[in-house]
Protein backbone atom coordinates (compact mmCIF):
# COMPACT_ATOMS: atom_id res chain seq x y z
CA MET A 1 -13.46 18.61 15.26
CA ILE A 2 -11.54 17.55 12.18
CA LYS A 3 -7.91 16.65 12.72
CA THR A 4 -5.28 16.76 10.01
CA LEU A 5 -3.43 13.54 9.28
CA THR A 6 -0.08 13.32 7.58
CA THR A 7 2.29 10.47 6.89
CA GLN A 8 4.21 11.51 10.02
CA ASN A 9 1.30 11.45 12.49
CA PHE A 10 -0.90 8.79 10.85
CA THR A 11 -0.16 6.03 13.38
CA SER A 12 -1.20 8.31 16.25
CA ARG A 13 -4.83 8.46 15.08
CA ASP A 14 -7.47 7.23 17.51
CA THR A 15 -8.78 3.82 16.46
CA SER A 16 -11.09 3.34 19.44
CA LYS A 17 -13.99 4.83 17.43
CA VAL A 18 -15.00 4.76 13.79
CA ASN A 19 -12.77 7.01 11.69
CA VAL A 20 -13.94 9.17 8.82
CA LEU A 21 -11.00 9.87 6.52
CA ASN A 22 -11.43 12.66 3.98
CA PHE A 23 -8.79 12.67 1.24
CA SER A 24 -8.89 16.01 -0.55
CA ASN A 25 -6.80 18.60 -2.39
CA ASP A 26 -6.69 22.36 -2.05
CA TRP A 27 -7.38 22.89 -5.75
CA CYS A 28 -10.32 20.43 -6.04
CA SER A 29 -13.71 22.13 -6.54
CA GLN A 30 -15.70 19.12 -5.29
CA CYS A 31 -13.47 18.99 -2.19
CA TYR A 32 -14.16 22.68 -1.64
CA MET A 33 -17.92 22.00 -1.73
CA GLU A 34 -17.65 18.87 0.45
CA ASN A 35 -15.53 20.42 3.21
CA PRO A 36 -18.30 22.49 4.91
CA ILE A 37 -20.59 19.45 4.86
CA ILE A 38 -17.96 17.30 6.53
CA THR A 39 -17.19 20.08 9.01
CA ALA A 40 -20.86 20.25 10.02
CA ALA A 41 -20.98 16.46 10.39
CA ALA A 42 -17.83 16.53 12.50
CA ASP A 43 -19.41 19.11 14.80
CA LYS A 44 -22.55 16.99 15.08
CA TYR A 45 -20.88 13.59 15.66
CA ASP A 46 -17.66 14.69 17.37
CA SER A 47 -18.22 12.59 20.48
CA LYS A 48 -19.05 9.43 18.52
CA LEU A 49 -16.80 9.46 15.44
CA ASN A 50 -13.28 10.63 14.63
CA PHE A 51 -12.92 12.93 11.62
CA TYR A 52 -9.63 13.32 9.79
CA THR A 53 -8.61 15.23 6.69
CA ILE A 54 -5.67 14.18 4.55
CA ASN A 55 -4.19 16.35 1.82
CA ALA A 56 -3.71 13.89 -1.03
CA ASP A 57 -1.03 15.99 -2.73
CA SER A 58 1.12 16.27 0.39
CA ASN A 59 0.82 12.65 1.56
CA PRO A 60 1.62 10.28 -1.31
CA ASP A 61 2.35 7.38 1.07
CA LEU A 62 -1.18 7.53 2.47
CA VAL A 63 -2.62 7.91 -1.01
CA GLU A 64 -0.82 4.73 -1.99
CA LYS A 65 -1.79 2.89 1.21
CA TYR A 66 -5.48 3.59 0.62
CA ASP A 67 -5.28 3.32 -3.18
CA ILE A 68 -6.71 6.81 -3.69
CA MET A 69 -7.40 7.54 -7.35
CA THR A 70 -9.41 10.76 -7.08
CA ALA A 71 -10.39 13.47 -4.65
CA PRO A 72 -12.52 13.76 -2.74
CA THR A 73 -12.45 10.25 -1.39
CA ILE A 74 -14.21 9.56 1.89
CA ILE A 75 -13.33 6.38 3.75
CA ILE A 76 -15.08 4.98 6.81
CA GLU A 77 -12.64 2.92 8.84
CA LYS A 78 -13.40 0.70 11.82
CA ASN A 79 -10.74 -1.24 13.74
CA ASP A 80 -8.19 -0.38 11.00
CA HIS A 81 -10.38 -1.94 8.30
CA ILE A 82 -12.10 -0.06 5.51
CA GLU A 83 -15.84 -0.43 5.92
CA TYR A 84 -16.94 2.01 3.23
CA ARG A 85 -15.39 4.13 0.47
CA THR A 86 -16.86 6.71 -1.88
CA THR A 87 -15.53 9.12 -4.45
CA THR A 88 -18.96 10.61 -5.01
CA PHE A 89 -19.95 14.02 -3.66
CA LEU A 90 -22.23 13.51 -0.66
CA ASP A 91 -24.73 16.17 0.29
CA LYS A 92 -25.62 16.82 3.93
CA THR A 93 -28.44 14.25 4.05
CA GLN A 94 -26.46 11.54 2.30
CA LEU A 95 -23.45 12.00 4.58
CA ASP A 96 -25.65 12.12 7.66
CA ASN A 97 -27.40 8.86 6.69
CA LEU A 98 -24.06 7.19 6.03
CA LEU A 99 -22.56 8.26 9.35
CA ARG A 100 -25.61 7.28 11.37
CA TYR A 101 -25.25 3.76 9.95
CA TYR A 102 -21.80 3.47 11.58
CA LEU A 103 -22.77 4.81 15.01
């Protein structure tokens, strides 16, 4: 399951597991292509990883906090520290390999 994070509920996110933060926009074509891939990964790894989506346009404070320059940006976070960041489109295999590394 992918949960939506906003500036208002950001501190309530679960930090007991590795977090996958997906910064995207509604109008972004790469985000549109990436979303089903992330949704499938979230279904597959739901019990082991936390998946969050953040609308970059609606949450400028989080964009600033994470120094987001483009969408999509995927961040892997562990114990409130950024472990990995990419602004590159990841296909299903690439995302799967990346997530398995953090299990």
